[in-house]
Amino acid sequence: MAREELANLGWVEGRRLQIDVRDSGSDRGRLATDAEDLVNLRSDVIFAFTGAAARFALGRTRTIPIVFVGGGDPADNNLVGSTARPTSNVTGFANNFATQGGKWVELLKQAAPRLTRVARVFDPEFTSTSGSLEDVIGTGAAQLGMTGITMPVRNLDEIGRAITAFATEPNGGLLITGAHPAENIKAILGLALQHRLPTVYGAGKLVAEGLLMSNGPDFIDMTRRASSYVDRILRGAKPSDLPVQYPTKIPLVINLKTAKAIGLEFPPYVLAIADEVIE
């Protein structure tokens, strides 16, 4: 998608543009190596497709412009000093903002009115352990009569222990935030199904893999919009000239198959506000 959009903007690969691709996913070791490699190539701009990739790149260069897609709330994750006028060499298109955490808590409570506990599941290697998102989730949970729990997990062992312990008490739900390695997110969703825990996350593609609810932006649209920032930087703009942009539409997708598997029946008014229902 980025190649196509850049070509539409006049940057045709092989003519005016050379693209060096590094696909490291959420592998910490490869992220570090690939970021260093792209910096050593003296790239004119680094296009990071996750917040984690942007952070690893930022750790290796303070001069090469970095445009990210995703990244959670970049102000909360220390990617940019100011979203209105970035003070580092990083800017881009965020996939959520702190206040969205309150909406996720609300969705969990609406989907499962008996919930009394909500755990924020995150990998501290990729996501801030404190800050505005944490505060919003804790406040939102308290306002709805729930206890907010912080659940940092780095690997499969930690995931297994944390979620199994959390599930020993009834009426709990999981709010997944930030980036997670693929095998970790698979384990989180598998344990959530096993322990009949409702889940919400901002990654729409995971609804088909067992996530109960997704409430996140269209990544393809974000990538298209972020390509315009790459174009502007290649034409001389600086990251400080380009404010971080946030989603304008965040669709809600519900998986009724997962709901049935965990013994949950959505209230009609929740289904009515969904943008897509998977049966």
C-alpha atoms as a PDB file:
ATOM      1  CA  MET A   1       0.000   0.000   0.000  1.00  0.00           C
ATOM      2  CA  ALA A   2       2.813   2.443   0.885  1.00  0.00           C
ATOM      3  CA  ARG A   3       4.596   1.756  -2.420  1.00  0.00           C
ATOM      4  CA  GLU A   4       1.421   2.389  -4.390  1.00  0.00           C
ATOM      5  CA  GLU A   5       0.620   5.605  -2.566  1.00  0.00           C
ATOM      6  CA  LEU A   6       4.190   6.903  -2.867  1.00  0.00           C
ATOM      7  CA  ALA A   7       4.091   6.159  -6.603  1.00  0.00           C
ATOM      8  CA  ASN A   8       0.874   8.184  -6.852  1.00  0.00           C
ATOM      9  CA  LEU A   9       2.772  11.032  -5.192  1.00  0.00           C
ATOM     10  CA  GLY A  10       5.550  10.846  -7.780  1.00  0.00           C
ATOM     11  CA  TRP A  11       8.021   8.577  -5.993  1.00  0.00           C
ATOM     12  CA  VAL A  12       8.324   5.577  -8.303  1.00  0.00           C
ATOM     13  CA  GLU A  13      10.576   2.831  -6.989  1.00  0.00           C
ATOM     14  CA  GLY A  14      13.590   2.328  -9.250  1.00  0.00           C
ATOM     15  CA  ARG A  15      13.368   5.841 -10.650  1.00  0.00           C
ATOM     16  CA  ARG A  16      13.337   8.506  -7.976  1.00  0.00           C
ATOM     17  CA  LEU A  17      13.076   6.154  -5.024  1.00  0.00           C
ATOM     18  CA  GLN A  18      14.919   3.200  -3.513  1.00  0.00           C
ATOM     19  CA  ILE A  19      13.085   1.249  -0.831  1.00  0.00           C
ATOM     20  CA  ASP A  20      15.003  -1.013   1.559  1.00  0.00           C
ATOM     21  CA  VAL A  21      12.616  -3.253   3.488  1.00  0.00           C
ATOM     22  CA  ARG A  22      13.258  -4.898   6.840  1.00  0.00           C
ATOM     23  CA  ASP A  23      10.441  -7.091   8.184  1.00  0.00           C
ATOM     24  CA  SER A  24      11.193  -7.828  11.819  1.00  0.00           C
ATOM     25  CA  GLY A  25       7.646  -7.966  13.179  1.00  0.00           C
ATOM     26  CA  SER A  26       7.791  -7.690  16.973  1.00  0.00           C
ATOM     27  CA  ASP A  27      11.030  -9.687  17.332  1.00  0.00           C
ATOM     28  CA  ARG A  28      13.092  -7.536  19.713  1.00  0.00           C
ATOM     29  CA  GLY A  29      16.438  -8.790  18.462  1.00  0.00           C
ATOM     30  CA  ARG A  30      15.572  -8.285  14.809  1.00  0.00           C
ATOM     31  CA  LEU A  31      14.013  -4.885  15.489  1.00  0.00           C
ATOM     32  CA  ALA A  32      17.283  -3.683  16.987  1.00  0.00           C
ATOM     33  CA  THR A  33      19.396  -5.131  14.166  1.00  0.00           C
ATOM     34  CA  ASP A  34      17.112  -3.900  11.391  1.00  0.00           C
ATOM     35  CA  ALA A  35      16.889  -0.398  12.867  1.00  0.00           C
ATOM     36  CA  GLU A  36      20.674  -0.183  13.041  1.00  0.00           C
ATOM     37  CA  ASP A  37      20.947  -1.476   9.485  1.00  0.00           C
ATOM     38  CA  LEU A  38      18.577   1.165   8.095  1.00  0.00           C
ATOM     39  CA  VAL A  39      20.425   3.907   9.957  1.00  0.00           C
ATOM     40  CA  ASN A  40      23.765   2.679   8.594  1.00  0.00           C
ATOM     41  CA  LEU A  41      22.323   2.830   5.075  1.00  0.00           C
ATOM     42  CA  ARG A  42      21.927   6.596   5.650  1.00  0.00           C
ATOM     43  CA  SER A  43      18.279   6.482   4.698  1.00  0.00           C
ATOM     44  CA  ASP A  44      16.580   9.774   3.911  1.00  0.00           C
ATOM     45  CA  VAL A  45      13.547   8.706   5.927  1.00  0.00           C
ATOM     46  CA  ILE A  46      12.579   5.618   7.930  1.00  0.00           C
ATOM     47  CA  PHE A  47       8.966   4.478   7.559  1.00  0.00           C
ATOM     48  CA  ALA A  48       8.108   2.478  10.703  1.00  0.00           C
ATOM     49  CA  PHE A  49       4.984   0.331  10.537  1.00  0.00           C
ATOM     50  CA  THR A  50       4.684  -0.077  14.326  1.00  0.00           C
ATOM     51  CA  GLY A  51       5.376   2.048  17.339  1.00  0.00           C
ATOM     52  CA  ALA A  52       7.924  -0.527  18.496  1.00  0.00           C
ATOM     53  CA  ALA A  53       9.857  -0.186  15.222  1.00  0.00           C
ATOM     54  CA  ALA A  54       9.806   3.606  15.592  1.00  0.00           C
ATOM     55  CA  ARG A  55      11.181   3.400  19.128  1.00  0.00           C
ATOM     56  CA  PHE A  56      14.016   1.098  18.101  1.00  0.00           C
ATOM     57  CA  ALA A  57      14.867   3.410  15.200  1.00  0.00           C
ATOM     58  CA  LEU A  58      14.742   6.462  17.471  1.00  0.00           C
ATOM     59  CA  GLY A  59      17.180   4.719  19.790  1.00  0.00           C
ATOM     60  CA  ARG A  60      19.713   4.617  16.948  1.00  0.00           C
ATOM     61  CA  THR A  61      19.284   7.975  15.243  1.00  0.00           C
ATOM     62  CA  ARG A  62      18.257  11.461  16.306  1.00  0.00           C
ATOM     63  CA  THR A  63      18.771  12.947  12.856  1.00  0.00           C
ATOM     64  CA  ILE A  64      17.117  10.707  10.236  1.00  0.00           C
ATOM     65  CA  PRO A  65      13.378  11.525  10.033  1.00  0.00           C
ATOM     66  CA  ILE A  66      11.102   8.696  11.172  1.00  0.00           C
ATOM     67  CA  VAL A  67       7.444   8.410  10.152  1.00  0.00           C
ATOM     68  CA  PHE A  68       5.429   5.872  12.117  1.00  0.00           C
ATOM     69  CA  VAL A  69       2.061   4.203  11.665  1.00  0.00           C
ATOM     70  CA  GLY A  70       0.488   2.903  14.864  1.00  0.00           C
ATOM     71  CA  GLY A  71       2.483   3.491  18.000  1.00  0.00           C
ATOM     72  CA  GLY A  72      -0.412   3.680  20.445  1.00  0.00           C
ATOM     73  CA  ASP A  73      -0.457   7.170  21.931  1.00  0.00           C
ATOM     74  CA  PRO A  74       2.966   8.613  20.960  1.00  0.00           C
ATOM     75  CA  ALA A  75       2.835  11.293  23.650  1.00  0.00           C
ATOM     76  CA  ASP A  76       2.296   8.590  26.283  1.00  0.00           C
ATOM     77  CA  ASN A  77       5.009   6.354  24.818  1.00  0.00           C
ATOM     78  CA  ASN A  78       7.683   9.071  24.640  1.00  0.00           C
ATOM     79  CA  LEU A  79       7.994   8.996  20.851  1.00  0.00           C
ATOM     80  CA  VAL A  80       7.391  12.710  20.452  1.00  0.00           C
ATOM     81  CA  GLY A  81       7.779  15.603  22.828  1.00  0.00           C
ATOM     82  CA  SER A  82       4.744  17.391  21.421  1.00  0.00           C
ATOM     83  CA  THR A  83       2.101  15.973  19.132  1.00  0.00           C
ATOM     84  CA  ALA A  84       1.266  19.425  17.729  1.00  0.00           C
ATOM     85  CA  ARG A  85       4.913  20.187  16.940  1.00  0.00           C
ATOM     86  CA  PRO A  86       7.170  17.137  17.396  1.00  0.00           C
ATOM     87  CA  THR A  87      10.434  18.015  19.115  1.00  0.00           C
ATOM     88  CA  SER A  88      12.312  14.878  18.057  1.00  0.00           C
ATOM     89  CA  ASN A  89      12.957  13.452  14.589  1.00  0.00           C
ATOM     90  CA  VAL A  90       9.734  11.428  14.775  1.00  0.00           C
ATOM     91  CA  THR A  91       6.175  12.079  13.603  1.00  0.00           C
ATOM     92  CA  GLY A  92       3.370  10.016  12.114  1.00  0.00           C
ATOM     93  CA  PHE A  93      -0.136   8.669  12.443  1.00  0.00           C
ATOM     94  CA  ALA A  94      -1.119   7.238  15.812  1.00  0.00           C
ATOM     95  CA  ASN A  95      -3.584   4.382  16.072  1.00  0.00           C
ATOM     96  CA  ASN A  96      -5.109   5.540  19.354  1.00  0.00           C
ATOM     97  CA  PHE A  97      -5.019   8.138  22.082  1.00  0.00           C
ATOM     98  CA  ALA A  98      -5.237   7.995  25.835  1.00  0.00           C
ATOM     99  CA  THR A  99      -8.943   8.822  26.109  1.00  0.00           C
ATOM    100  CA  GLN A 100      -9.718   5.766  23.977  1.00  0.00           C
ATOM    101  CA  GLY A 101      -8.731   3.609  26.946  1.00  0.00           C
ATOM    102  CA  GLY A 102     -11.881   4.823  28.694  1.00  0.00           C
ATOM    103  CA  LYS A 103     -13.963   3.737  25.717  1.00  0.00           C
ATOM    104  CA  TRP A 104     -12.440   0.244  25.789  1.00  0.00           C
ATOM    105  CA  VAL A 105     -13.249  -0.112  29.490  1.00  0.00           C
ATOM    106  CA  GLU A 106     -16.799   1.023  28.777  1.00  0.00           C
ATOM    107  CA  LEU A 107     -17.161  -1.496  25.936  1.00  0.00           C
ATOM    108  CA  LEU A 108     -16.059  -4.357  28.172  1.00  0.00           C
ATOM    109  CA  LYS A 109     -18.582  -3.368  30.824  1.00  0.00           C
ATOM    110  CA  GLN A 110     -21.361  -2.988  28.250  1.00  0.00           C
ATOM    111  CA  ALA A 111     -20.578  -6.382  26.731  1.00  0.00           C
ATOM    112  CA  ALA A 112     -20.338  -8.108  30.104  1.00  0.00           C
ATOM    113  CA  PRO A 113     -22.285  -6.106  32.721  1.00  0.00           C
ATOM    114  CA  ARG A 114     -21.218  -8.433  35.535  1.00  0.00           C
ATOM    115  CA  LEU A 115     -17.553  -7.514  35.194  1.00  0.00           C
ATOM    116  CA  THR A 116     -15.922  -6.300  38.405  1.00  0.00           C
ATOM    117  CA  ARG A 117     -12.261  -6.444  37.307  1.00  0.00           C
ATOM    118  CA  VAL A 118     -10.418  -5.372  34.169  1.00  0.00           C
ATOM    119  CA  ALA A 119      -6.750  -6.085  33.508  1.00  0.00           C
ATOM    120  CA  ARG A 120      -4.684  -4.014  31.111  1.00  0.00           C
ATOM    121  CA  VAL A 121      -2.413  -6.533  29.351  1.00  0.00           C
ATOM    122  CA  PHE A 122       0.716  -5.006  27.796  1.00  0.00           C
ATOM    123  CA  ASP A 123       4.341  -5.756  26.994  1.00  0.00           C
ATOM    124  CA  PRO A 124       6.500  -3.156  28.826  1.00  0.00           C
ATOM    125  CA  GLU A 125       9.190  -3.567  26.168  1.00  0.00           C
ATOM    126  CA  PHE A 126       6.851  -1.918  23.658  1.00  0.00           C
ATOM    127  CA  THR A 127       4.358   0.044  25.741  1.00  0.00           C
ATOM    128  CA  SER A 128       4.550   2.654  28.462  1.00  0.00           C
ATOM    129  CA  THR A 129       4.049   1.256  31.967  1.00  0.00           C
ATOM    130  CA  SER A 130       2.519   4.485  33.214  1.00  0.00           C
ATOM    131  CA  GLY A 131       1.094   7.762  32.012  1.00  0.00           C
ATOM    132  CA  SER A 132      -2.173   9.086  30.651  1.00  0.00           C
ATOM    133  CA  LEU A 133      -3.455   5.791  29.169  1.00  0.00           C
ATOM    134  CA  GLU A 134      -2.895   3.989  32.458  1.00  0.00           C
ATOM    135  CA  ASP A 135      -4.638   6.790  34.358  1.00  0.00           C
ATOM    136  CA  VAL A 136      -7.616   6.874  31.980  1.00  0.00           C
ATOM    137  CA  ILE A 137      -8.129   3.111  32.180  1.00  0.00           C
ATOM    138  CA  GLY A 138      -7.908   3.122  35.975  1.00  0.00           C
ATOM    139  CA  THR A 139     -10.302   6.054  36.285  1.00  0.00           C
ATOM    140  CA  GLY A 140     -12.735   4.567  33.773  1.00  0.00           C
ATOM    141  CA  ALA A 141     -12.780   1.235  35.596  1.00  0.00           C
ATOM    142  CA  ALA A 142     -13.397   2.920  38.960  1.00  0.00           C
ATOM    143  CA  GLN A 143     -16.258   5.012  37.573  1.00  0.00           C
ATOM    144  CA  LEU A 144     -17.943   1.835  36.359  1.00  0.00           C
ATOM    145  CA  GLY A 145     -17.494   0.053  39.671  1.00  0.00           C
ATOM    146  CA  MET A 146     -14.584  -2.115  38.533  1.00  0.00           C
ATOM    147  CA  THR A 147     -11.072  -2.654  39.796  1.00  0.00           C
ATOM    148  CA  GLY A 148      -8.343  -1.829  37.279  1.00  0.00           C
ATOM    149  CA  ILE A 149      -5.337  -4.153  37.265  1.00  0.00           C
ATOM    150  CA  THR A 150      -2.001  -3.671  35.503  1.00  0.00           C
ATOM    151  CA  MET A 151      -0.688  -6.857  33.842  1.00  0.00           C
ATOM    152  CA  PRO A 152       2.786  -6.472  32.248  1.00  0.00           C
ATOM    153  CA  VAL A 153       3.782  -9.616  30.312  1.00  0.00           C
ATOM    154  CA  ARG A 154       6.981 -10.129  28.296  1.00  0.00           C
ATOM    155  CA  ASN A 155       6.949 -13.813  27.339  1.00  0.00           C
ATOM    156  CA  LEU A 156       4.809 -16.932  27.222  1.00  0.00           C
ATOM    157  CA  ASP A 157       5.622 -17.970  30.803  1.00  0.00           C
ATOM    158  CA  GLU A 158       4.599 -14.593  32.197  1.00  0.00           C
ATOM    159  CA  ILE A 159       1.432 -14.601  30.080  1.00  0.00           C
ATOM    160  CA  GLY A 160       0.431 -18.044  31.295  1.00  0.00           C
ATOM    161  CA  ARG A 161       1.029 -17.277  34.962  1.00  0.00           C
ATOM    162  CA  ALA A 162      -0.592 -13.830  34.922  1.00  0.00           C
ATOM    163  CA  ILE A 163      -3.792 -14.699  33.073  1.00  0.00           C
ATOM    164  CA  THR A 164      -4.270 -18.017  34.900  1.00  0.00           C
ATOM    165  CA  ALA A 165      -3.913 -16.238  38.253  1.00  0.00           C
ATOM    166  CA  PHE A 166      -6.273 -13.462  37.149  1.00  0.00           C
ATOM    167  CA  ALA A 167      -8.873 -16.029  36.078  1.00  0.00           C
ATOM    168  CA  THR A 168      -9.005 -17.691  39.502  1.00  0.00           C
ATOM    169  CA  GLU A 169     -11.499 -14.994  40.501  1.00  0.00           C
ATOM    170  CA  PRO A 170     -14.756 -14.475  38.553  1.00  0.00           C
ATOM    171  CA  ASN A 171     -16.023 -11.546  36.501  1.00  0.00           C
ATOM    172  CA  GLY A 172     -12.778 -10.414  34.908  1.00  0.00           C
ATOM    173  CA  GLY A 173     -11.999  -9.031  31.453  1.00  0.00           C
ATOM    174  CA  LEU A 174      -8.844  -8.243  29.496  1.00  0.00           C
ATOM    175  CA  LEU A 175      -8.006  -4.943  27.847  1.00  0.00           C
ATOM    176  CA  ILE A 176      -5.026  -5.538  25.548  1.00  0.00           C
ATOM    177  CA  THR A 177      -2.864  -2.532  24.676  1.00  0.00           C
ATOM    178  CA  GLY A 178       0.316  -1.869  22.730  1.00  0.00           C
ATOM    179  CA  ALA A 179       2.311  -4.172  20.490  1.00  0.00           C
ATOM    180  CA  HIS A 180       2.868  -7.854  21.284  1.00  0.00           C
ATOM    181  CA  PRO A 181       4.924 -10.509  19.462  1.00  0.00           C
ATOM    182  CA  ALA A 182       2.633 -12.730  17.389  1.00  0.00           C
ATOM    183  CA  GLU A 183       3.122 -15.818  19.554  1.00  0.00           C
ATOM    184  CA  ASN A 184       2.344 -13.794  22.676  1.00  0.00           C
ATOM    185  CA  ILE A 185      -0.907 -12.378  21.359  1.00  0.00           C
ATOM    186  CA  LYS A 186      -1.937 -15.871  20.236  1.00  0.00           C
ATOM    187  CA  ALA A 187      -1.300 -17.142  23.765  1.00  0.00           C
ATOM    188  CA  ILE A 188      -3.252 -14.243  25.335  1.00  0.00           C
ATOM    189  CA  LEU A 189      -6.288 -14.888  23.147  1.00  0.00           C
ATOM    190  CA  GLY A 190      -6.060 -18.640  23.680  1.00  0.00           C
ATOM    191  CA  LEU A 191      -6.004 -18.277  27.457  1.00  0.00           C
ATOM    192  CA  ALA A 192      -8.823 -15.739  27.319  1.00  0.00           C
ATOM    193  CA  LEU A 193     -10.981 -18.277  25.492  1.00  0.00           C
ATOM    194  CA  GLN A 194      -9.935 -21.062  27.863  1.00  0.00           C
ATOM    195  CA  HIS A 195     -10.833 -19.018  30.938  1.00  0.00           C
ATOM    196  CA  ARG A 196     -13.884 -17.400  29.306  1.00  0.00           C
ATOM    197  CA  LEU A 197     -12.560 -13.868  29.645  1.00  0.00           C
ATOM    198  CA  PRO A 198     -13.973 -11.115  27.388  1.00  0.00           C
ATOM    199  CA  THR A 199     -11.289  -9.189  25.475  1.00  0.00           C
ATOM    200  CA  VAL A 200     -10.984  -5.882  23.658  1.00  0.00           C
ATOM    201  CA  TYR A 201      -8.041  -4.649  21.556  1.00  0.00           C
ATOM    202  CA  GLY A 202      -7.432  -2.126  18.827  1.00  0.00           C
ATOM    203  CA  ALA A 203      -6.250  -4.691  16.252  1.00  0.00           C
ATOM    204  CA  GLY A 204      -9.133  -5.458  13.911  1.00  0.00           C
ATOM    205  CA  LYS A 205      -7.530  -8.432  12.166  1.00  0.00           C
ATOM    206  CA  LEU A 206      -7.439 -10.334  15.462  1.00  0.00           C
ATOM    207  CA  VAL A 207     -11.226 -10.513  15.724  1.00  0.00           C
ATOM    208  CA  ALA A 208     -11.103 -13.445  13.305  1.00  0.00           C
ATOM    209  CA  GLU A 209      -8.535 -15.122  15.588  1.00  0.00           C
ATOM    210  CA  GLY A 210     -10.638 -15.120  18.750  1.00  0.00           C
ATOM    211  CA  LEU A 211     -10.628 -11.504  19.943  1.00  0.00           C
ATOM    212  CA  LEU A 212     -14.093 -10.628  21.270  1.00  0.00           C
ATOM    213  CA  MET A 213     -14.094  -6.955  20.273  1.00  0.00           C
ATOM    214  CA  SER A 214     -11.889  -4.691  18.211  1.00  0.00           C
ATOM    215  CA  ASN A 215     -12.043  -0.931  18.506  1.00  0.00           C
ATOM    216  CA  GLY A 216      -9.244   0.472  16.389  1.00  0.00           C
ATOM    217  CA  PRO A 217      -8.657   2.433  13.169  1.00  0.00           C
ATOM    218  CA  ASP A 218      -8.206   1.209   9.597  1.00  0.00           C
ATOM    219  CA  PHE A 219      -4.478   0.467   9.302  1.00  0.00           C
ATOM    220  CA  ILE A 220      -4.526   0.585   5.501  1.00  0.00           C
ATOM    221  CA  ASP A 221      -6.020   4.066   5.554  1.00  0.00           C
ATOM    222  CA  MET A 222      -3.448   5.167   8.128  1.00  0.00           C
ATOM    223  CA  THR A 223      -0.624   3.856   5.952  1.00  0.00           C
ATOM    224  CA  ARG A 224      -1.976   5.751   2.963  1.00  0.00           C
ATOM    225  CA  ARG A 225      -2.149   8.970   4.957  1.00  0.00           C
ATOM    226  CA  ALA A 226       1.311   8.438   6.465  1.00  0.00           C
ATOM    227  CA  SER A 227       2.769   8.102   2.960  1.00  0.00           C
ATOM    228  CA  SER A 228       1.956  11.776   2.466  1.00  0.00           C
ATOM    229  CA  TYR A 229       4.319  12.612   5.337  1.00  0.00           C
ATOM    230  CA  VAL A 230       7.105  10.573   3.722  1.00  0.00           C
ATOM    231  CA  ASP A 231       6.473  12.538   0.533  1.00  0.00           C
ATOM    232  CA  ARG A 232       6.670  15.870   2.335  1.00  0.00           C
ATOM    233  CA  ILE A 233       9.869  14.943   4.157  1.00  0.00           C
ATOM    234  CA  LEU A 234      11.509  13.825   0.916  1.00  0.00           C
ATOM    235  CA  ARG A 235      10.594  17.252  -0.459  1.00  0.00           C
ATOM    236  CA  GLY A 236      12.277  19.030   2.444  1.00  0.00           C
ATOM    237  CA  ALA A 237       9.839  19.162   5.346  1.00  0.00           C
ATOM    238  CA  LYS A 238      10.996  18.385   8.885  1.00  0.00           C
ATOM    239  CA  PRO A 239       9.135  16.203  11.415  1.00  0.00           C
ATOM    240  CA  SER A 240       8.608  19.327  13.531  1.00  0.00           C
ATOM    241  CA  ASP A 241       6.581  20.760  10.622  1.00  0.00           C
ATOM    242  CA  LEU A 242       4.247  17.750  10.614  1.00  0.00           C
ATOM    243  CA  PRO A 243       1.955  17.303  13.631  1.00  0.00           C
ATOM    244  CA  VAL A 244       1.088  13.805  14.780  1.00  0.00           C
ATOM    245  CA  GLN A 245      -2.340  12.876  13.489  1.00  0.00           C
ATOM    246  CA  TYR A 246      -4.942  10.706  15.174  1.00  0.00           C
ATOM    247  CA  PRO A 247      -7.741   8.494  13.830  1.00  0.00           C
ATOM    248  CA  THR A 248     -10.945  10.218  12.805  1.00  0.00           C
ATOM    249  CA  LYS A 249     -13.006   7.001  12.746  1.00  0.00           C
ATOM    250  CA  ILE A 250     -12.553   4.005  15.033  1.00  0.00           C
ATOM    251  CA  PRO A 251     -14.921   1.176  14.064  1.00  0.00           C
ATOM    252  CA  LEU A 252     -16.213  -1.376  16.543  1.00  0.00           C
ATOM    253  CA  VAL A 253     -16.087  -5.016  15.392  1.00  0.00           C
ATOM    254  CA  ILE A 254     -17.722  -7.783  17.440  1.00  0.00           C
ATOM    255  CA  ASN A 255     -17.142 -11.537  17.185  1.00  0.00           C
ATOM    256  CA  LEU A 256     -20.305 -13.445  18.110  1.00  0.00           C
ATOM    257  CA  LYS A 257     -18.532 -16.794  17.710  1.00  0.00           C
ATOM    258  CA  THR A 258     -16.109 -15.856  20.475  1.00  0.00           C
ATOM    259  CA  ALA A 259     -18.987 -14.516  22.574  1.00  0.00           C
ATOM    260  CA  LYS A 260     -20.743 -17.878  22.336  1.00  0.00           C
ATOM    261  CA  ALA A 261     -17.524 -19.745  23.188  1.00  0.00           C
ATOM    262  CA  ILE A 262     -17.120 -17.810  26.454  1.00  0.00           C
ATOM    263  CA  GLY A 263     -20.816 -17.915  27.329  1.00  0.00           C
ATOM    264  CA  LEU A 264     -21.508 -14.263  26.682  1.00  0.00           C
ATOM    265  CA  GLU A 265     -24.607 -12.780  25.062  1.00  0.00           C
ATOM    266  CA  PHE A 266     -24.246  -9.221  23.840  1.00  0.00           C
ATOM    267  CA  PRO A 267     -26.993  -6.783  24.846  1.00  0.00           C
ATOM    268  CA  PRO A 268     -28.895  -5.643  21.726  1.00  0.00           C
ATOM    269  CA  TYR A 269     -27.860  -2.009  22.174  1.00  0.00           C
ATOM    270  CA  VAL A 270     -24.169  -2.984  21.982  1.00  0.00           C
ATOM    271  CA  LEU A 271     -24.731  -4.916  18.758  1.00  0.00           C
ATOM    272  CA  ALA A 272     -26.619  -1.909  17.416  1.00  0.00           C
ATOM    273  CA  ILE A 273     -23.594   0.378  17.733  1.00  0.00           C
ATOM    274  CA  ALA A 274     -21.178  -2.106  16.122  1.00  0.00           C
ATOM    275  CA  ASP A 275     -19.799  -1.280  12.674  1.00  0.00           C
ATOM    276  CA  GLU A 276     -19.355  -4.984  11.912  1.00  0.00           C
ATOM    277  CA  VAL A 277     -20.607  -8.175  13.543  1.00  0.00           C
ATOM    278  CA  ILE A 278     -18.850 -11.467  12.754  1.00  0.00           C
ATOM    279  CA  GLU A 279     -21.088 -14.509  13.141  1.00  0.00           C
END
